[in-house]
């Protein structure tokens, strides 16, 4: 319920809205967060929040009634932003687990996938940066989200470029990387052509890895969803939410550092390094955003 509650409270925290207007907004935004927002459940969610004391509705019908956030609702909104930022979802979803399956692709297939991925990431970065400046030049919420997304895309592009360069330039790099642990048996299928993988759809784990590695779509993550609402908080509360995010990232970085010293499998170490890079980049972004927020508020 965290993300649904955050959406409705965030939508109404600035000013009240009639139920039918909220429904139209959800229908319009669903394509961005289809797994979080369901137009058919809008009035159920609004009434649930009303019963919980977070919203107040006048005596009109559900669709015509005007909803507004109560003081307990404002406090809950702040808690939800903090909680949402303290949850870490790996960037690019199942990318790391898909990298582990590289040992079942030939070097040529892996290079092809990574080069396709690099192209998709580059186009996504250009699209996001252009969209940010063209459509939302003065919108603080959108600028924050797009800046976060562009920062991570840029880091992912840089990491992918270095990974491709290692495979191409370093002799035996790929052979050492994909060497399976002794306890792991390699399937007879071994090298599967991309055309075959594309046909086997979602029922085959290698096909899923193929789709993820070649980036079948790059979009907003759940943390971007939460970040959109950060500027709506009072400055001190926003800083508190960013602090929780930074603490979460630092804990994960510590755990990864410990794992790096004990992990013997080269491919797993590469995956850990990828996670470290993305966590470190986001931590620096959080620190920069924290500094800007502090300067803006004159704190």
Foldseek 3Di string as FASTA:
>chain_A
DLLLLLVVLLVAAVHKDAQQVVLVVLVVCCVFVVVRGDSVCSLVVQVVCVVVVQWDWPPDDRRGIIIHGDPVVLVVNLVSLLVLLLDDAFALHCQLVLLLCCLLADLVLLLVLLVLQLVVLVVVLVVLVVCCCPPPVPQPLSVQLSVLVNLLSVLVNVLSVVVSCCSVPPPCPVVLQSPDDPVDDHDPSRHDDLVVLCVVPPVDPNVVSSCSSSPPDHHGDSNSSSSSSLVVDDLVSSLSSLVSNLVSLVVLLVVLVVVLVVDDRNSNNSSSVSSNSSSVSVNVVSVVVSVVSCVVVVD
